[in-house]
Amino acid sequence: MAKLREFRVGCPLEVSTRWLTFLCCTLCLALSACGAAPGMRMRSPATLPISDATPTQPAPQLQVPITDVNFDLLSKLREVAANARTDATESLMKVTRDAYTLGPGDVLQITVWDHPEFAAALGAQPTTVAHASDPASGIVVDQAGNIQFPYVGTVHAAGLRPEEVQALVMKGLSRYFKDPQVTVRIGSFRAKQVFVDGEVRAPGAVPITDIPMTLYEAIGASGGFTPAADQSRIVLVRNGTSYPIDLTGMLERDENPSQIVLKNGDLLRVVARDDNGVFVMGEVTKPATALPLKNGRLTLSEALSQAGSISSTTADAAQLYVIRGSLGVTPRVFHLDAASPVAMVLANEFQLQPKDIVYVDGNGLVRLGRVLSLLLPAINAGLTAAIVTK
């Protein structure tokens, strides 16, 4: 009984002494591991090395600059944005408004006054219109660009204006009639068209008429923008070349977008706001993809607002970063100390770009909790094993 009492009394003392030492060592290890806690906390130097080294041949490191967001930086960014007008937009606004010329598929209505027998050449007048795209009755310009008219024969109309075709028909009829009075008008425009795609209410082909087709007219003929449209990022594809158009920026610079005249075969694409989102992650209430507004603009404060703002319990407001150009050759990192109320003024003026990454780092207590959450399962397993083996 004495030996049994000695074992019952001595065993807890021995185990508690061992585990007290083990727990102290573990606590010291956890405290020292705060700096190695999982996360994306930026280092304090002005640049961060990014290495593409391989096991066989080390690659040179790329230094990523970290720039503090302040009023001087905002002034420089605004200056760069003000000078961002491309020569492409200038060249689009210099396109001349040429007169409409006929092409294959156009339908002509030719009237010879005081000679009703020529009305049969136009074909029977339809009583009802089955589809809005159905052409009007008249003489169709064939694929070779020619028309056929009684007494006149073949007339090459492609590339000519209606008044030029009128002169040729009058000349041909003058051989059989004295001073014929002829009128030529376009009954249906089908030779030339532009294509509007993307975030418009009625995408599709828009015919070009004798009135030059402008950017506004093409969008209006397609039903206008949808709520998901990004009006600052419109792409005009012409002859295999893409021209970006910032409709919002043009209006801010007092430039009239209606001066952009479209040509036959142009493709106008309105990009969706979903394609230009900003990724907000880290210690925010609701990590999400923040979408730009209808005018294409999105500030840092608006992005944080869409993500539910910075978490008041887990975030380190002094460690707010914007990573830009992460998929490019020269990425940049902007740092903002959002712990100060003045920082919200800066955040409200800092314009984000598509595919930017906004990251809010966690505070020291959160990093410690993450380290302990990784260590505690191992500690509990070791403690259980020691008790069982004892």
Protein backbone atom coordinates (compact mmCIF):
# COMPACT_ATOMS: atom_id res chain seq x y z
CA MET A 1 0.00 0.00 0.00
CA ALA A 2 2.90 2.36 0.73
CA LYS A 3 4.44 1.72 -2.72
CA LEU A 4 1.09 2.19 -4.39
CA ARG A 5 0.50 5.49 -2.52
CA GLU A 6 4.01 6.62 -3.48
CA PHE A 7 3.28 5.91 -7.18
CA ARG A 8 -0.04 7.76 -7.10
CA VAL A 9 1.48 10.76 -5.40
CA GLY A 10 4.78 10.83 -7.31
CA CYS A 11 3.50 10.24 -10.82
CA PRO A 12 1.49 13.49 -11.22
CA LEU A 13 4.39 15.50 -9.84
CA GLU A 14 6.82 13.98 -12.33
CA VAL A 15 4.45 14.42 -15.28
CA SER A 16 3.53 17.99 -14.35
CA THR A 17 7.21 18.94 -14.01
CA ARG A 18 8.04 17.55 -17.44
CA TRP A 19 5.09 19.14 -19.13
CA LEU A 20 5.59 22.45 -17.42
CA THR A 21 9.04 22.55 -18.98
CA PHE A 22 7.62 21.40 -22.33
CA LEU A 23 4.88 24.02 -22.30
CA CYS A 24 7.35 26.78 -21.47
CA CYS A 25 9.54 25.75 -24.38
CA THR A 26 6.53 25.58 -26.66
CA LEU A 27 5.36 29.04 -25.57
CA CYS A 28 8.79 30.48 -26.27
CA LEU A 29 8.79 28.82 -29.67
CA ALA A 30 5.34 30.22 -30.44
CA LEU A 31 6.34 33.73 -29.42
CA SER A 32 9.45 33.57 -31.53
CA ALA A 33 7.41 32.26 -34.48
CA CYS A 34 5.22 35.33 -34.73
CA GLY A 35 7.42 36.72 -37.44
CA ALA A 36 7.10 33.45 -39.40
CA ALA A 37 3.35 33.34 -39.10
CA PRO A 38 1.50 32.49 -42.28
CA GLY A 39 0.35 35.54 -44.18
CA MET A 40 1.48 38.13 -46.76
CA ARG A 41 2.99 40.74 -44.52
CA MET A 42 5.25 43.04 -46.54
CA ARG A 43 8.82 43.59 -45.47
CA SER A 44 10.04 47.02 -44.54
CA PRO A 45 12.76 47.57 -47.18
CA ALA A 46 11.88 49.81 -50.13
CA THR A 47 11.93 46.89 -52.56
CA LEU A 48 10.99 43.23 -52.47
CA PRO A 49 13.04 40.60 -54.39
CA ILE A 50 11.13 38.23 -56.62
CA SER A 51 13.23 35.35 -57.89
CA ASP A 52 12.52 33.03 -60.79
CA ALA A 53 15.42 30.75 -59.86
CA THR A 54 15.46 27.16 -61.10
CA PRO A 55 17.32 24.21 -59.59
CA THR A 56 19.79 24.20 -62.48
CA GLN A 57 20.37 27.89 -63.12
CA PRO A 58 19.51 30.77 -60.77
CA ALA A 59 17.69 33.68 -62.39
CA PRO A 60 18.31 37.34 -61.53
CA GLN A 61 16.02 38.78 -58.90
CA LEU A 62 13.41 41.37 -59.80
CA GLN A 63 13.18 44.27 -57.38
CA VAL A 64 9.56 45.31 -56.79
CA PRO A 65 9.33 48.89 -55.53
CA ILE A 66 7.07 49.74 -52.59
CA THR A 67 5.69 53.26 -52.86
CA ASP A 68 3.96 55.05 -49.99
CA VAL A 69 0.63 56.60 -50.93
CA ASN A 70 0.72 60.33 -50.21
CA PHE A 71 -0.48 63.55 -51.78
CA ASP A 72 2.63 63.86 -53.95
CA LEU A 73 2.02 60.41 -55.42
CA LEU A 74 -1.64 61.23 -56.12
CA SER A 75 -0.59 64.39 -57.92
CA LYS A 76 1.82 62.43 -60.13
CA LEU A 77 -0.78 59.75 -60.89
CA ARG A 78 -3.35 62.39 -61.86
CA GLU A 79 -0.83 64.02 -64.15
CA VAL A 80 -0.09 60.70 -65.83
CA ALA A 81 -3.83 60.01 -66.25
CA ALA A 82 -4.38 63.48 -67.75
CA ASN A 83 -1.71 62.82 -70.36
CA ALA A 84 -2.97 59.32 -71.08
CA ARG A 85 -4.87 60.39 -74.20
CA THR A 86 -3.64 58.11 -76.94
CA ASP A 87 -2.89 59.04 -80.53
CA ALA A 88 -5.38 56.34 -81.52
CA THR A 89 -8.32 58.40 -80.23
CA GLU A 90 -6.98 61.46 -82.02
CA SER A 91 -6.73 59.56 -85.30
CA LEU A 92 -10.30 58.28 -84.92
CA MET A 93 -11.61 61.82 -84.50
CA LYS A 94 -9.85 62.94 -87.70
CA VAL A 95 -11.84 60.60 -89.96
CA THR A 96 -13.69 62.60 -92.61
CA ARG A 97 -17.43 62.28 -93.17
CA ASP A 98 -17.51 61.04 -96.76
CA ALA A 99 -20.70 60.86 -98.80
CA TYR A 100 -22.39 57.48 -98.99
CA THR A 101 -21.51 55.38 -102.02
CA LEU A 102 -23.51 52.42 -103.27
CA GLY A 103 -22.45 48.82 -102.85
CA PRO A 104 -23.69 45.27 -103.49
CA GLY A 105 -26.97 44.62 -101.72
CA ASP A 106 -28.27 48.18 -101.73
CA VAL A 107 -31.78 48.63 -103.10
CA LEU A 108 -32.48 51.56 -105.44
CA GLN A 109 -35.84 53.10 -106.26
CA ILE A 110 -35.69 54.72 -109.70
CA THR A 111 -38.66 56.83 -110.78
CA VAL A 112 -39.13 58.10 -114.35
CA TRP A 113 -41.74 60.83 -114.24
CA ASP A 114 -44.65 60.79 -116.73
CA HIS A 115 -43.74 57.21 -117.66
CA PRO A 116 -45.68 54.89 -115.33
CA GLU A 117 -44.67 51.85 -117.38
CA PHE A 118 -41.27 51.93 -115.66
CA ALA A 119 -42.93 51.24 -112.30
CA ALA A 120 -42.99 47.55 -113.14
CA ALA A 121 -39.19 47.53 -113.03
CA LEU A 122 -39.36 48.18 -109.28
CA GLY A 123 -41.35 45.02 -108.62
CA ALA A 124 -44.62 44.56 -106.80
CA GLN A 125 -45.14 46.61 -103.67
CA PRO A 126 -45.43 44.32 -100.61
CA THR A 127 -48.70 44.65 -98.72
CA THR A 128 -47.18 43.60 -95.40
CA VAL A 129 -43.64 43.56 -94.03
CA ALA A 130 -42.77 40.19 -92.50
CA HIS A 131 -39.51 41.27 -90.91
CA ALA A 132 -37.93 44.60 -90.21
CA SER A 133 -34.82 43.49 -92.09
CA ASP A 134 -36.73 42.77 -95.29
CA PRO A 135 -35.61 45.12 -98.09
CA ALA A 136 -37.93 47.56 -99.77
CA SER A 137 -39.04 46.92 -103.33
CA GLY A 138 -36.71 48.22 -105.99
CA ILE A 139 -33.65 47.39 -108.04
CA VAL A 140 -30.95 45.53 -106.11
CA VAL A 141 -27.28 46.17 -106.80
CA ASP A 142 -25.87 42.73 -107.62
CA GLN A 143 -22.61 41.24 -106.35
CA ALA A 144 -20.77 42.63 -109.36
CA GLY A 145 -21.97 46.11 -108.45
CA ASN A 146 -24.34 46.46 -111.44
CA ILE A 147 -28.03 47.23 -111.92
CA GLN A 148 -30.31 46.54 -114.85
CA PHE A 149 -32.83 49.14 -116.04
CA PRO A 150 -35.13 49.08 -119.07
CA TYR A 151 -33.81 50.87 -122.19
CA VAL A 152 -30.61 51.68 -120.35
CA GLY A 153 -29.18 48.21 -119.84
CA THR A 154 -26.36 47.52 -117.41
CA VAL A 155 -25.16 50.35 -115.19
CA HIS A 156 -22.21 49.90 -112.83
CA ALA A 157 -23.48 51.50 -109.61
CA ALA A 158 -21.00 50.28 -106.97
CA GLY A 159 -18.82 53.08 -105.67
CA LEU A 160 -21.12 55.78 -107.10
CA ARG A 161 -23.37 58.23 -105.30
CA PRO A 162 -27.13 58.13 -106.06
CA GLU A 163 -26.96 61.38 -108.06
CA GLU A 164 -24.22 59.89 -110.23
CA VAL A 165 -26.41 56.85 -110.99
CA GLN A 166 -29.25 59.25 -111.76
CA ALA A 167 -27.13 61.02 -114.36
CA LEU A 168 -26.22 57.73 -116.05
CA VAL A 169 -29.86 56.59 -116.21
CA MET A 170 -30.96 59.95 -117.65
CA LYS A 171 -28.23 59.72 -120.28
CA GLY A 172 -29.34 56.22 -121.27
CA LEU A 173 -33.02 57.15 -121.48
CA SER A 174 -32.25 60.27 -123.52
CA ARG A 175 -31.66 58.02 -126.54
CA TYR A 176 -35.35 57.06 -126.52
CA PHE A 177 -37.17 59.82 -124.64
CA LYS A 178 -36.98 63.58 -124.86
CA ASP A 179 -35.69 65.26 -121.69
CA PRO A 180 -36.54 62.41 -119.24
CA GLN A 181 -37.01 63.36 -115.60
CA VAL A 182 -35.44 60.74 -113.34
CA THR A 183 -35.22 60.42 -109.56
CA VAL A 184 -32.89 57.90 -107.86
CA ARG A 185 -33.05 57.22 -104.15
CA ILE A 186 -31.85 54.45 -101.87
CA GLY A 187 -34.76 52.33 -100.70
CA SER A 188 -32.74 50.06 -98.39
CA PHE A 189 -29.18 50.33 -97.04
CA ARG A 190 -27.64 46.86 -96.98
CA ALA A 191 -24.13 47.21 -98.40
CA LYS A 192 -22.36 48.74 -95.41
CA GLN A 193 -22.70 48.04 -91.70
CA VAL A 194 -20.91 48.11 -88.37
CA PHE A 195 -21.12 45.47 -85.65
CA VAL A 196 -21.82 46.33 -82.02
CA ASP A 197 -21.08 43.68 -79.39
CA GLY A 198 -20.80 43.42 -75.63
CA GLU A 199 -22.82 45.24 -73.00
CA VAL A 200 -25.50 46.87 -75.18
CA ARG A 201 -29.18 46.05 -75.07
CA ALA A 202 -29.47 44.89 -78.71
CA PRO A 203 -26.08 43.71 -80.01
CA GLY A 204 -25.77 43.00 -83.70
CA ALA A 205 -25.21 44.63 -87.07
CA VAL A 206 -26.16 48.30 -87.56
CA PRO A 207 -26.51 49.47 -91.19
CA ILE A 208 -24.67 52.58 -92.30
CA THR A 209 -26.95 55.04 -94.10
CA ASP A 210 -26.32 58.22 -96.05
CA ILE A 211 -25.91 59.92 -92.66
CA PRO A 212 -22.38 59.14 -91.32
CA MET A 213 -22.45 56.63 -88.47
CA THR A 214 -20.88 58.02 -85.29
CA LEU A 215 -19.99 56.31 -82.04
CA TYR A 216 -23.07 57.63 -80.24
CA GLU A 217 -25.40 56.69 -83.09
CA ALA A 218 -24.09 53.12 -83.20
CA ILE A 219 -24.60 52.66 -79.45
CA GLY A 220 -28.03 54.30 -79.60
CA ALA A 221 -29.09 52.08 -82.52
CA SER A 222 -28.08 49.06 -80.38
CA GLY A 223 -30.37 50.08 -77.54
CA GLY A 224 -27.81 51.89 -75.39
CA PHE A 225 -25.59 50.63 -72.59
CA THR A 226 -26.66 47.92 -70.17
CA PRO A 227 -26.17 48.44 -66.40
CA ALA A 228 -23.13 46.12 -66.56
CA ALA A 229 -21.32 48.21 -69.18
CA ASP A 230 -17.96 49.85 -68.47
CA GLN A 231 -18.22 53.11 -70.38
CA SER A 232 -14.55 53.89 -69.95
CA ARG A 233 -13.37 50.81 -71.83
CA ILE A 234 -14.81 50.56 -75.32
CA VAL A 235 -12.80 48.81 -78.02
CA LEU A 236 -13.05 49.70 -81.71
CA VAL A 237 -11.59 47.06 -84.04
CA ARG A 238 -10.80 48.41 -87.53
CA ASN A 239 -8.84 46.54 -90.17
CA GLY A 240 -7.36 44.18 -87.58
CA THR A 241 -6.26 46.97 -85.21
CA SER A 242 -7.85 47.63 -81.81
CA TYR A 243 -8.38 51.20 -80.62
CA PRO A 244 -9.32 51.71 -76.94
CA ILE A 245 -11.87 54.45 -76.32
CA ASP A 246 -12.39 56.01 -72.89
CA LEU A 247 -15.82 57.58 -73.19
CA THR A 248 -15.76 58.91 -69.63
CA GLY A 249 -12.31 60.42 -70.07
CA MET A 250 -13.32 62.13 -73.32
CA LEU A 251 -16.27 63.80 -71.61
CA GLU A 252 -14.03 64.91 -68.73
CA ARG A 253 -11.68 66.50 -71.29
CA ASP A 254 -14.62 68.26 -72.99
CA GLU A 255 -14.19 66.15 -76.13
CA ASN A 256 -17.25 65.17 -78.16
CA PRO A 257 -17.41 61.39 -78.78
CA SER A 258 -19.80 62.00 -81.68
CA GLN A 259 -16.79 63.17 -83.69
CA ILE A 260 -15.66 59.53 -83.94
CA VAL A 261 -17.05 58.35 -87.29
CA LEU A 262 -17.36 54.61 -87.87
CA LYS A 263 -16.54 52.88 -91.14
CA ASN A 264 -17.88 49.86 -92.94
CA GLY A 265 -16.84 46.64 -91.22
CA ASP A 266 -15.92 48.24 -87.87
CA LEU A 267 -16.50 46.20 -84.71
CA LEU A 268 -17.46 48.14 -81.59
CA ARG A 269 -17.25 46.19 -78.35
CA VAL A 270 -18.43 47.49 -74.98
CA VAL A 271 -16.53 45.72 -72.18
CA ALA A 272 -18.37 44.50 -69.07
CA ARG A 273 -17.47 45.83 -65.65
CA ASP A 274 -17.05 42.23 -64.46
CA ASP A 275 -13.96 41.94 -66.68
CA ASN A 276 -12.21 44.83 -64.92
CA GLY A 277 -12.68 43.96 -61.27
CA VAL A 278 -10.24 44.49 -58.38
CA PHE A 279 -9.45 41.69 -55.94
CA VAL A 280 -9.85 42.68 -52.27
CA MET A 281 -8.49 40.13 -49.82
CA GLY A 282 -6.88 39.78 -46.44
CA GLU A 283 -8.39 41.08 -43.22
CA VAL A 284 -11.59 42.56 -44.61
CA THR A 285 -15.14 41.76 -43.62
CA LYS A 286 -16.05 40.11 -46.93
CA PRO A 287 -13.20 39.34 -49.38
CA ALA A 288 -14.61 39.91 -52.85
CA THR A 289 -13.98 41.21 -56.35
CA ALA A 290 -14.83 44.91 -56.35
CA LEU A 291 -16.39 46.14 -59.59
CA PRO A 292 -15.82 49.59 -61.07
CA LEU A 293 -18.68 52.04 -61.37
CA LYS A 294 -20.55 52.68 -64.63
CA ASN A 295 -18.03 55.37 -65.55
CA GLY A 296 -15.21 52.83 -65.13
CA ARG A 297 -13.71 54.51 -62.07
CA LEU A 298 -12.98 52.76 -58.78
CA THR A 299 -11.12 54.26 -55.84
CA LEU A 300 -9.43 52.39 -53.01
CA SER A 301 -12.08 53.47 -50.51
CA GLU A 302 -14.87 52.29 -52.83
CA ALA A 303 -13.19 48.90 -53.23
CA LEU A 304 -12.87 48.52 -49.46
CA SER A 305 -16.50 49.54 -49.05
CA GLN A 306 -17.63 46.80 -51.45
CA ALA A 307 -15.62 44.31 -49.37
CA GLY A 308 -17.35 45.37 -46.16
CA SER A 309 -14.51 47.65 -44.99
CA ILE A 310 -11.41 46.71 -42.97
CA SER A 311 -11.97 44.26 -40.13
CA SER A 312 -11.83 46.15 -36.84
CA THR A 313 -10.72 43.10 -34.83
CA THR A 314 -8.16 41.30 -36.99
CA ALA A 315 -6.72 43.87 -39.42
CA ASP A 316 -3.57 45.93 -39.06
CA ALA A 317 -4.78 49.13 -40.71
CA ALA A 318 -1.22 50.40 -41.01
CA GLN A 319 -0.42 47.55 -43.41
CA LEU A 320 -2.68 48.14 -46.43
CA TYR A 321 -1.16 47.34 -49.82
CA VAL A 322 -2.16 47.63 -53.48
CA ILE A 323 -0.35 45.26 -55.85
CA ARG A 324 -0.45 46.43 -59.47
CA GLY A 325 0.75 44.65 -62.58
CA SER A 326 1.27 41.31 -60.86
CA LEU A 327 1.02 39.52 -64.22
CA GLY A 328 3.34 41.92 -65.99
CA VAL A 329 7.08 42.35 -66.18
CA THR A 330 7.32 45.29 -63.78
CA PRO A 331 4.85 44.92 -60.89
CA ARG A 332 4.44 47.71 -58.34
CA VAL A 333 3.33 47.77 -54.71
CA PHE A 334 1.68 50.77 -53.04
CA HIS A 335 1.54 51.03 -49.26
CA LEU A 336 -1.00 53.05 -47.29
CA ASP A 337 -1.03 53.56 -43.53
CA ALA A 338 -4.80 53.52 -43.04
CA ALA A 339 -4.53 53.87 -39.25
CA SER A 340 -4.71 57.63 -39.65
CA PRO A 341 -8.02 59.35 -40.54
CA VAL A 342 -6.12 61.36 -43.16
CA ALA A 343 -5.47 58.09 -44.95
CA MET A 344 -9.14 57.85 -45.87
CA VAL A 345 -8.76 61.07 -47.85
CA LEU A 346 -5.89 59.46 -49.72
CA ALA A 347 -7.84 56.24 -50.24
CA ASN A 348 -10.76 58.19 -51.67
CA GLU A 349 -8.46 59.80 -54.26
CA PHE A 350 -6.34 56.74 -55.15
CA GLN A 351 -7.69 55.35 -58.42
CA LEU A 352 -7.43 51.59 -58.88
CA GLN A 353 -6.85 49.82 -62.18
CA PRO A 354 -8.30 46.55 -63.51
CA LYS A 355 -6.88 43.40 -61.90
CA ASP A 356 -5.28 45.31 -59.00
CA ILE A 357 -4.95 43.37 -55.74
CA VAL A 358 -5.87 45.12 -52.48
CA TYR A 359 -4.46 43.29 -49.45
CA VAL A 360 -5.00 44.13 -45.77
CA ASP A 361 -2.54 42.41 -43.43
CA GLY A 362 -3.51 40.98 -40.05
CA ASN A 363 -2.35 42.31 -36.70
CA GLY A 364 0.20 40.61 -34.42
CA LEU A 365 -2.42 38.89 -32.28
CA VAL A 366 -3.98 37.29 -35.34
CA ARG A 367 -0.63 35.98 -36.53
CA LEU A 368 0.09 34.57 -33.07
CA GLY A 369 -3.30 32.87 -33.03
CA ARG A 370 -2.59 31.28 -36.40
CA VAL A 371 0.75 29.93 -35.18
CA LEU A 372 -0.81 28.51 -32.02
CA SER A 373 -3.63 26.94 -34.03
CA LEU A 374 -0.97 25.03 -35.94
CA LEU A 375 1.04 24.03 -32.86
CA LEU A 376 -1.74 23.14 -30.41
CA PRO A 377 -2.83 19.93 -32.21
CA ALA A 378 0.76 18.64 -32.02
CA ILE A 379 1.00 19.64 -28.34
CA ASN A 380 -2.25 17.87 -27.48
CA ALA A 381 -1.18 14.76 -29.37
CA GLY A 382 2.19 14.69 -27.55
CA LEU A 383 0.56 15.23 -24.17
CA THR A 384 -1.91 12.41 -24.79
CA ALA A 385 0.86 10.06 -25.91
CA ALA A 386 2.97 10.86 -22.85
CA ILE A 387 0.10 10.18 -20.45
CA VAL A 388 -0.76 6.92 -22.17
CA THR A 389 2.83 5.66 -22.18
CA LYS A 390 3.34 6.69 -18.56
